[in-house]
Amino acid sequence: MADRSTADVIVVGGGIIGLSIAWRAARSGRSVQLVDPAPAQGATFAAAGMLAPVSEYNFQEDALLPAMRESAALYPGFVRELEPVDEAVGYLRNETLLVGVDHGDRQALADLHAAHRRAQLDVEPLTTSDARIREPLLGPRVTSVYRVAGDHQIDPRMLAARLLDELVRAARQGRQVGIVRVQAVGLLHLDRAADDSDVIGVRLADGTTIGGAEVVLANGVGARAIQGLPGRLDLPLRLVYGDVLRLRVPERLRHLLRSTVRALVHGESVYLVPRSDGTLVVGATQREDGLDAVSAGGVHRLLRDAQQVVPAVGELPLIEATARPRPGTPDNAPLLGRVRSRNGAAVPGLVVATGFFRHGVLLAPLAADIALGLIDGRADPRWSPFRPDRFTTAPADLLAERLHR
């Protein structure tokens, strides 16, 4: 079997998580190989890029809130390292409005606001007249509004392109950085007969291999199909599709929205994200029907509901409809960390970073920090609830130890 190269770090997966980890690893002076046949063309391509730990707060995701808030706080420095000018990666510090249109929506937002208060999150109720001073084109059906000043946005396509550019530039400067546009299909182990032994590289679809001191699996749902995963490891990833629309805002409606608007419309969620390039992102459905294409019903619902919130949306040209699968987990939290072998020790040479579901863009800076810390031999116990083997049946000795506690 031919060997393409060796690297200190092999990152499998070129979405926003994998790109961020590869970039951080390269900045640390390590040699890096990013493995993906089409970088940034999966969930990252469709993502709206809302950096919204507060407005994304969900009652069932309390354990994820500290990570979301920390990662959002990391973004200004993360962007500054990439590009001194925020706009170059589409980083906008505009606020977010949470709105509702009927009685049920008002009650749901009131319940959410009560949860925000209990979690000590900064959310301000607005009167509809105050809201329309901020956003004059909000529709007459909008009757409930909350302001989240600290929830911002970034353009994931611009950010991913910038990260790719940095990796390419590093390679051209003679640093040991490469992008391998071939699919990874398996892990290589020090002991070929023991899938719990040290991971020493990856095998590619073209029959070649790459040797590496550390392999980071950041390829979304594709991680579950990688051959040679440690025998006990269960990666319960599911495909959650989202339909996302992009519309062009003509000059006469250039100030259609200044804020990101997240709305409930008769109990259905829709968001409207104004981009600095004069487009508007409208999304997103959430479906697990296996349809690997844009859903006509999803497009209809998004446009219908968006016009309930901002009627002028009906005057905009629709320029793109996209559907991509996001990797979901049973608790909607990521699979991030090292994997225990059958004897309870971490499998050397392997870090898993997948299952980010709706929060991949938001959590990218923190995921990169955590992954690099693990590679450096530093594990942060705050993120142990995200261990990638938490859904794996524990061996008898570990289970007994837990019961004893």
Protein backbone atom coordinates (compact mmCIF):
# COMPACT_ATOMS: atom_id res chain seq x y z
CA MET A 1 0.00 0.00 0.00
CA ALA A 2 1.52 3.32 -1.10
CA ASP A 3 2.21 6.01 1.47
CA ARG A 4 1.42 9.56 0.35
CA SER A 5 3.13 11.35 3.23
CA THR A 6 3.33 11.71 6.98
CA ALA A 7 2.11 14.50 9.22
CA ASP A 8 1.95 15.48 12.86
CA VAL A 9 -1.81 15.95 12.51
CA ILE A 10 -4.22 14.48 9.96
CA VAL A 11 -7.63 16.17 9.96
CA VAL A 12 -10.32 14.13 8.22
CA GLY A 13 -13.10 16.47 7.15
CA GLY A 14 -12.94 19.95 5.65
CA GLY A 15 -16.04 21.56 7.11
CA ILE A 16 -15.80 24.52 9.43
CA ILE A 17 -14.77 22.30 12.37
CA GLY A 18 -12.04 20.45 10.48
CA LEU A 19 -10.73 23.62 8.82
CA SER A 20 -10.53 25.42 12.16
CA ILE A 21 -8.66 22.53 13.78
CA ALA A 22 -6.28 22.17 10.83
CA TRP A 23 -5.55 25.92 10.82
CA ARG A 24 -4.91 26.02 14.55
CA ALA A 25 -2.67 22.96 14.34
CA ALA A 26 -0.68 24.52 11.47
CA ARG A 27 -0.28 27.76 13.44
CA SER A 28 1.18 25.74 16.30
CA GLY A 29 4.04 24.72 14.00
CA ARG A 30 2.86 21.18 13.33
CA SER A 31 2.77 19.54 9.94
CA VAL A 32 -0.84 19.07 8.87
CA GLN A 33 -2.74 17.14 6.20
CA LEU A 34 -6.41 18.03 5.67
CA VAL A 35 -8.28 15.17 3.99
CA ASP A 36 -11.55 15.93 2.20
CA PRO A 37 -12.61 15.46 -1.45
CA ALA A 38 -14.64 18.71 -1.39
CA PRO A 39 -13.73 21.02 1.50
CA ALA A 40 -16.45 23.37 2.81
CA GLN A 41 -19.15 21.96 0.54
CA GLY A 42 -21.18 20.10 3.18
CA ALA A 43 -23.16 21.56 6.07
CA THR A 44 -20.81 24.56 6.18
CA PHE A 45 -21.93 25.57 2.68
CA ALA A 46 -25.55 25.84 3.78
CA ALA A 47 -25.04 27.23 7.29
CA ALA A 48 -26.48 30.64 8.17
CA GLY A 49 -23.64 31.41 10.58
CA MET A 50 -25.61 32.77 13.52
CA LEU A 51 -23.36 33.13 16.56
CA ALA A 52 -26.31 32.90 18.88
CA PRO A 53 -25.70 31.13 22.19
CA VAL A 54 -28.57 33.03 23.81
CA SER A 55 -31.24 32.93 21.11
CA GLU A 56 -30.24 29.31 20.29
CA TYR A 57 -30.66 28.35 23.94
CA ASN A 58 -32.87 25.32 24.22
CA PHE A 59 -34.36 23.93 27.41
CA GLN A 60 -32.93 20.48 26.69
CA GLU A 61 -29.42 21.76 25.89
CA ASP A 62 -28.39 23.31 29.21
CA ALA A 63 -25.14 21.35 29.28
CA LEU A 64 -24.15 22.90 25.95
CA LEU A 65 -24.78 26.52 26.98
CA PRO A 66 -21.37 27.18 28.66
CA ALA A 67 -19.54 25.89 25.58
CA MET A 68 -21.71 27.98 23.26
CA ARG A 69 -21.11 31.14 25.27
CA GLU A 70 -17.37 30.55 25.57
CA SER A 71 -16.99 29.88 21.87
CA ALA A 72 -18.98 33.01 20.97
CA ALA A 73 -16.63 35.00 23.22
CA LEU A 74 -13.64 33.49 21.38
CA TYR A 75 -14.85 34.65 17.97
CA PRO A 76 -13.45 38.21 17.92
CA GLY A 77 -9.93 36.93 18.62
CA PHE A 78 -10.39 33.98 16.27
CA VAL A 79 -11.39 36.30 13.44
CA ARG A 80 -8.63 38.79 14.27
CA GLU A 81 -6.00 36.07 13.89
CA LEU A 82 -7.35 35.31 10.42
CA GLU A 83 -8.06 38.78 9.15
CA PRO A 84 -7.76 42.17 10.88
CA VAL A 85 -10.91 43.41 9.14
CA ASP A 86 -14.03 41.63 10.44
CA GLU A 87 -15.95 42.14 7.21
CA ALA A 88 -13.38 40.09 5.29
CA VAL A 89 -14.87 36.96 6.83
CA GLY A 90 -18.40 38.32 7.13
CA TYR A 91 -18.26 38.86 10.89
CA LEU A 92 -21.04 41.29 11.81
CA ARG A 93 -21.81 42.42 15.35
CA ASN A 94 -25.45 43.12 14.63
CA GLU A 95 -28.00 42.16 17.25
CA THR A 96 -30.71 39.49 17.11
CA LEU A 97 -34.44 39.99 17.54
CA LEU A 98 -36.71 37.16 18.69
CA VAL A 99 -40.25 37.72 17.42
CA GLY A 100 -43.62 35.99 17.41
CA VAL A 101 -46.87 36.57 15.54
CA ASP A 102 -49.72 34.92 17.46
CA HIS A 103 -50.77 34.13 21.00
CA GLY A 104 -49.05 30.75 21.04
CA ASP A 105 -45.82 32.29 19.77
CA ARG A 106 -46.01 35.02 22.42
CA GLN A 107 -46.42 32.41 25.15
CA ALA A 108 -43.55 30.29 23.79
CA LEU A 109 -41.25 33.34 23.70
CA ALA A 110 -42.36 34.35 27.20
CA ASP A 111 -41.48 30.86 28.45
CA LEU A 112 -38.13 31.08 26.67
CA HIS A 113 -37.48 34.50 28.22
CA ALA A 114 -38.22 33.06 31.66
CA ALA A 115 -35.61 30.37 30.96
CA HIS A 116 -33.19 33.11 29.84
CA ARG A 117 -33.69 34.92 33.15
CA ARG A 118 -33.12 31.75 35.16
CA ALA A 119 -29.88 31.18 33.21
CA GLN A 120 -28.93 34.87 33.70
CA LEU A 121 -28.81 35.54 29.97
CA ASP A 122 -29.07 39.09 28.68
CA VAL A 123 -32.37 39.41 26.80
CA GLU A 124 -34.44 42.62 26.67
CA PRO A 125 -38.20 42.70 25.97
CA LEU A 126 -39.16 45.38 23.44
CA THR A 127 -42.47 46.99 22.65
CA THR A 128 -43.55 46.53 19.06
CA SER A 129 -43.20 50.27 18.50
CA ASP A 130 -39.58 50.17 19.73
CA ALA A 131 -38.95 47.14 17.55
CA ARG A 132 -40.29 48.93 14.48
CA ILE A 133 -38.06 51.92 15.16
CA ARG A 134 -35.15 49.47 14.94
CA GLU A 135 -36.63 47.49 12.03
CA PRO A 136 -39.28 49.53 10.16
CA LEU A 137 -40.12 46.72 7.73
CA LEU A 138 -41.29 44.25 10.36
CA GLY A 139 -44.77 43.11 9.42
CA PRO A 140 -48.00 44.09 11.19
CA ARG A 141 -48.50 40.54 12.47
CA VAL A 142 -45.37 40.77 14.66
CA THR A 143 -46.70 41.30 18.17
CA SER A 144 -43.96 40.00 20.49
CA VAL A 145 -40.30 41.04 20.37
CA TYR A 146 -37.16 40.41 22.46
CA ARG A 147 -33.72 41.88 21.81
CA VAL A 148 -30.50 39.85 22.18
CA ALA A 149 -27.70 42.39 21.80
CA GLY A 150 -24.84 39.91 22.11
CA ASP A 151 -25.85 37.38 19.43
CA HIS A 152 -23.94 38.16 16.24
CA GLN A 153 -23.26 36.44 12.89
CA ILE A 154 -20.52 35.35 10.52
CA ASP A 155 -20.62 34.23 6.89
CA PRO A 156 -19.53 30.54 7.00
CA ARG A 157 -18.64 30.45 3.30
CA MET A 158 -16.33 33.45 3.65
CA LEU A 159 -14.82 32.08 6.85
CA ALA A 160 -14.23 28.63 5.32
CA ALA A 161 -12.67 30.19 2.21
CA ARG A 162 -10.36 32.25 4.39
CA LEU A 163 -9.27 29.20 6.40
CA LEU A 164 -8.62 27.27 3.19
CA ASP A 165 -6.62 30.19 1.82
CA GLU A 166 -4.47 30.20 4.95
CA LEU A 167 -3.74 26.48 4.61
CA VAL A 168 -2.89 26.86 0.91
CA ARG A 169 -0.68 29.89 1.67
CA ALA A 170 1.16 27.92 4.35
CA ALA A 171 1.82 25.13 1.85
CA ARG A 172 3.13 27.60 -0.74
CA GLN A 173 5.47 29.07 1.86
CA GLY A 174 7.08 25.67 2.17
CA ARG A 175 5.50 24.72 5.47
CA GLN A 176 4.42 21.10 5.84
CA VAL A 177 0.73 21.67 5.18
CA GLY A 178 -1.32 19.91 2.54
CA ILE A 179 -4.90 19.41 1.35
CA VAL A 180 -5.66 15.89 0.11
CA ARG A 181 -8.84 15.88 -1.97
CA VAL A 182 -9.54 12.19 -1.57
CA GLN A 183 -11.95 10.50 0.80
CA ALA A 184 -10.60 8.81 3.91
CA VAL A 185 -12.06 5.34 4.41
CA GLY A 186 -10.21 3.84 7.35
CA LEU A 187 -7.87 4.25 10.30
CA LEU A 188 -4.44 2.64 10.45
CA HIS A 189 -3.44 1.01 13.74
CA LEU A 190 -0.02 0.20 15.14
CA ASP A 191 -1.23 -3.35 15.69
CA ARG A 192 -3.25 -4.26 12.61
CA ALA A 193 -5.08 -6.94 14.56
CA ALA A 194 -6.12 -4.64 17.41
CA ASP A 195 -8.46 -1.74 16.69
CA ASP A 196 -7.84 -0.40 20.22
CA SER A 197 -4.13 0.02 19.52
CA ASP A 198 -2.48 3.33 18.62
CA VAL A 199 -3.91 5.09 15.56
CA ILE A 200 -1.00 5.89 13.24
CA GLY A 201 -2.68 7.25 10.12
CA VAL A 202 -5.51 6.93 7.63
CA ARG A 203 -6.26 4.88 4.54
CA LEU A 204 -7.74 6.69 1.53
CA ALA A 205 -10.23 5.63 -1.12
CA ASP A 206 -7.51 5.51 -3.79
CA GLY A 207 -5.58 2.89 -1.83
CA THR A 208 -2.89 5.24 -0.52
CA THR A 209 -2.22 5.99 3.12
CA ILE A 210 -1.09 8.94 5.21
CA GLY A 211 0.86 8.34 8.38
CA GLY A 212 0.34 10.64 11.32
CA ALA A 213 0.94 11.09 15.01
CA GLU A 214 -2.64 12.29 15.54
CA VAL A 215 -5.80 11.74 13.51
CA VAL A 216 -8.80 14.04 14.05
CA LEU A 217 -12.11 12.69 12.73
CA ALA A 218 -14.10 15.81 11.86
CA ASN A 219 -16.03 14.52 8.86
CA GLY A 220 -19.59 14.77 10.18
CA VAL A 221 -21.81 11.75 9.68
CA GLY A 222 -19.05 10.20 7.58
CA ALA A 223 -17.14 9.43 10.77
CA ARG A 224 -19.43 6.50 11.54
CA ALA A 225 -18.46 4.79 8.25
CA ILE A 226 -14.70 4.99 8.84
CA GLN A 227 -13.22 1.51 9.05
CA GLY A 228 -11.01 0.63 11.99
CA LEU A 229 -12.81 2.64 14.65
CA PRO A 230 -12.02 1.34 18.14
CA GLY A 231 -14.18 -1.73 18.60
CA ARG A 232 -16.36 -0.41 21.39
CA LEU A 233 -17.00 2.97 19.80
CA ASP A 234 -20.59 3.78 18.89
CA LEU A 235 -21.06 7.04 17.00
CA PRO A 236 -24.87 7.44 16.96
CA LEU A 237 -24.93 10.13 14.28
CA ARG A 238 -28.04 10.85 12.25
CA LEU A 239 -28.66 12.96 9.16
CA VAL A 240 -30.76 16.03 9.91
CA TYR A 241 -31.44 17.90 6.66
CA GLY A 242 -32.05 21.61 6.49
CA ASP A 243 -33.43 23.62 3.59
CA VAL A 244 -31.91 27.11 3.39
CA LEU A 245 -32.75 29.93 0.97
CA ARG A 246 -30.75 32.90 -0.23
CA LEU A 247 -32.42 35.97 -1.67
CA ARG A 248 -30.91 39.10 -3.19
CA VAL A 249 -31.88 42.43 -1.66
CA PRO A 250 -32.18 45.12 -4.37
CA GLU A 251 -30.79 48.59 -3.76
CA ARG A 252 -34.20 50.12 -3.05
CA LEU A 253 -34.60 47.66 -0.15
CA ARG A 254 -30.97 47.74 0.94
CA HIS A 255 -31.97 48.40 4.54
CA LEU A 256 -34.54 45.62 4.61
CA LEU A 257 -33.08 44.37 7.90
CA ARG A 258 -30.17 45.40 10.06
CA SER A 259 -30.74 42.77 12.74
CA THR A 260 -30.87 39.02 12.50
CA VAL A 261 -34.48 38.04 13.11
CA ARG A 262 -35.44 34.68 14.58
CA ALA A 263 -39.18 34.19 14.52
CA LEU A 264 -41.91 31.85 15.62
CA VAL A 265 -44.77 31.87 13.13
CA HIS A 266 -47.73 29.82 14.36
CA GLY A 267 -45.27 27.62 16.24
CA GLU A 268 -42.88 27.12 13.31
CA SER A 269 -39.39 28.65 13.48
CA VAL A 270 -37.84 30.72 10.71
CA TYR A 271 -34.81 32.99 10.69
CA LEU A 272 -33.79 35.89 8.47
CA VAL A 273 -30.09 36.78 8.37
CA PRO A 274 -29.03 39.92 6.44
CA ARG A 275 -25.58 39.54 4.91
CA SER A 276 -23.06 42.30 4.25
CA ASP A 277 -23.00 41.32 0.55
CA GLY A 278 -26.63 42.37 0.03
CA THR A 279 -28.21 38.93 0.35
CA LEU A 280 -30.68 37.58 2.86
CA VAL A 281 -30.45 34.05 4.25
CA VAL A 282 -33.77 32.45 5.20
CA GLY A 283 -33.88 29.13 6.97
CA ALA A 284 -34.07 26.49 8.03
CA THR A 285 -36.20 23.42 7.98
CA GLN A 286 -35.26 20.45 10.10
CA ARG A 287 -36.17 17.07 8.69
CA GLU A 288 -34.99 13.48 8.91
CA ASP A 289 -36.78 12.14 5.85
CA GLY A 290 -33.62 11.09 4.00
CA LEU A 291 -34.40 13.42 1.08
CA ASP A 292 -30.97 14.50 -0.14
CA ALA A 293 -32.39 17.45 -2.09
CA VAL A 294 -34.26 20.67 -1.47
CA SER A 295 -37.79 20.05 -0.23
CA ALA A 296 -40.50 21.91 -2.16
CA GLY A 297 -42.65 21.98 0.97
CA GLY A 298 -39.73 23.36 2.95
CA VAL A 299 -39.15 26.18 0.46
CA HIS A 300 -42.85 27.05 0.52
CA ARG A 301 -43.01 27.15 4.31
CA LEU A 302 -39.86 29.24 4.71
CA LEU A 303 -41.02 31.86 2.20
CA ARG A 304 -44.55 31.92 3.61
CA ASP A 305 -43.37 32.38 7.19
CA ALA A 306 -40.61 34.85 6.32
CA GLN A 307 -43.22 37.06 4.64
CA GLN A 308 -45.33 36.98 7.80
CA VAL A 309 -42.36 38.54 9.60
CA VAL A 310 -41.09 40.87 6.85
CA PRO A 311 -43.67 41.19 4.04
CA ALA A 312 -41.11 42.78 1.67
CA VAL A 313 -39.41 39.36 1.43
CA GLY A 314 -42.01 38.62 -1.24
CA GLU A 315 -40.39 41.26 -3.47
CA LEU A 316 -36.91 39.72 -3.38
CA PRO A 317 -35.45 37.46 -6.09
CA LEU A 318 -34.73 33.93 -4.89
CA ILE A 319 -31.18 33.15 -6.01
CA GLU A 320 -30.43 29.87 -4.24
CA ALA A 321 -32.09 26.98 -2.43
CA THR A 322 -29.76 24.58 -0.66
CA ALA A 323 -30.16 21.44 1.43
CA ARG A 324 -27.40 19.81 3.42
CA PRO A 325 -27.38 17.18 6.19
CA ARG A 326 -26.17 18.13 9.65
CA PRO A 327 -24.77 15.46 12.00
CA GLY A 328 -27.09 15.08 14.98
CA THR A 329 -26.60 13.08 18.19
CA PRO A 330 -29.16 11.74 20.69
CA ASP A 331 -28.58 14.69 23.05
CA ASN A 332 -27.82 17.23 20.29
CA ALA A 333 -24.36 17.83 21.77
CA PRO A 334 -21.11 17.17 19.90
CA LEU A 335 -18.90 14.10 20.05
CA LEU A 336 -15.61 15.74 20.97
CA GLY A 337 -12.57 14.22 22.62
CA ARG A 338 -10.55 11.05 22.87
CA VAL A 339 -11.97 7.54 22.91
CA ARG A 340 -11.52 4.97 25.66
CA SER A 341 -10.29 1.52 24.73
CA ARG A 342 -11.68 -1.66 26.25
CA ASN A 343 -9.34 -1.33 29.23
CA GLY A 344 -10.49 2.22 29.95
CA ALA A 345 -7.38 4.04 28.66
CA ALA A 346 -7.57 6.59 25.85
CA VAL A 347 -6.75 5.23 22.39
CA PRO A 348 -3.54 7.07 21.43
CA GLY A 349 -3.49 9.06 18.23
CA LEU A 350 -7.25 9.57 17.78
CA VAL A 351 -9.46 12.60 18.46
CA VAL A 352 -13.13 12.66 17.42
CA ALA A 353 -14.77 16.01 16.57
CA THR A 354 -18.20 15.54 15.02
CA GLY A 355 -21.92 15.68 15.80
CA PHE A 356 -22.14 19.48 16.09
CA PHE A 357 -25.65 19.55 14.56
CA ARG A 358 -26.89 23.18 14.46
CA HIS A 359 -23.90 24.61 16.30
CA GLY A 360 -20.88 23.77 14.15
CA VAL A 361 -20.09 27.33 13.10
CA LEU A 362 -20.67 28.73 16.58
CA LEU A 363 -18.52 26.08 18.28
CA ALA A 364 -15.65 26.05 15.75
CA PRO A 365 -13.17 28.22 17.73
CA LEU A 366 -13.75 26.26 20.94
CA ALA A 367 -13.59 22.90 19.15
CA ALA A 368 -10.23 23.91 17.66
CA ASP A 369 -8.93 24.89 21.10
CA ILE A 370 -10.14 21.65 22.69
CA ALA A 371 -8.71 19.48 19.90
CA LEU A 372 -5.35 21.23 20.01
CA GLY A 373 -5.31 20.92 23.79
CA LEU A 374 -5.86 17.16 23.52
CA ILE A 375 -3.08 16.90 20.95
CA ASP A 376 -0.85 18.83 23.37
CA GLY A 377 -1.78 16.40 26.15
CA ARG A 378 -4.13 18.82 27.93
CA ALA A 379 -7.71 17.72 28.54
CA ASP A 380 -10.20 20.27 29.88
CA PRO A 381 -12.57 18.46 32.29
CA ARG A 382 -15.31 21.03 31.64
CA TRP A 383 -15.98 19.42 28.26
CA SER A 384 -15.96 15.78 29.43
CA PRO A 385 -19.77 15.59 28.94
CA PHE A 386 -19.03 15.71 25.20
CA ARG A 387 -16.84 12.59 25.21
CA PRO A 388 -17.33 10.80 21.89
CA ASP A 389 -17.79 7.41 23.56
CA ARG A 390 -20.50 8.51 26.00
CA PHE A 391 -23.13 6.48 24.14
CA THR A 392 -20.91 3.39 23.99
CA THR A 393 -21.68 0.50 26.30
CA ALA A 394 -19.16 0.63 29.11
CA PRO A 395 -16.97 -2.38 29.81
CA ALA A 396 -17.89 -4.28 32.95
CA ASP A 397 -15.02 -2.89 35.04
CA LEU A 398 -15.84 0.75 34.17
CA LEU A 399 -19.53 0.18 34.77
CA ALA A 400 -18.78 -1.35 38.16
CA GLU A 401 -16.59 1.62 39.02
CA ARG A 402 -19.37 4.05 38.14
CA LEU A 403 -21.92 2.12 40.18
CA HIS A 404 -19.51 2.05 43.12
CA ARG A 405 -19.33 5.85 43.01
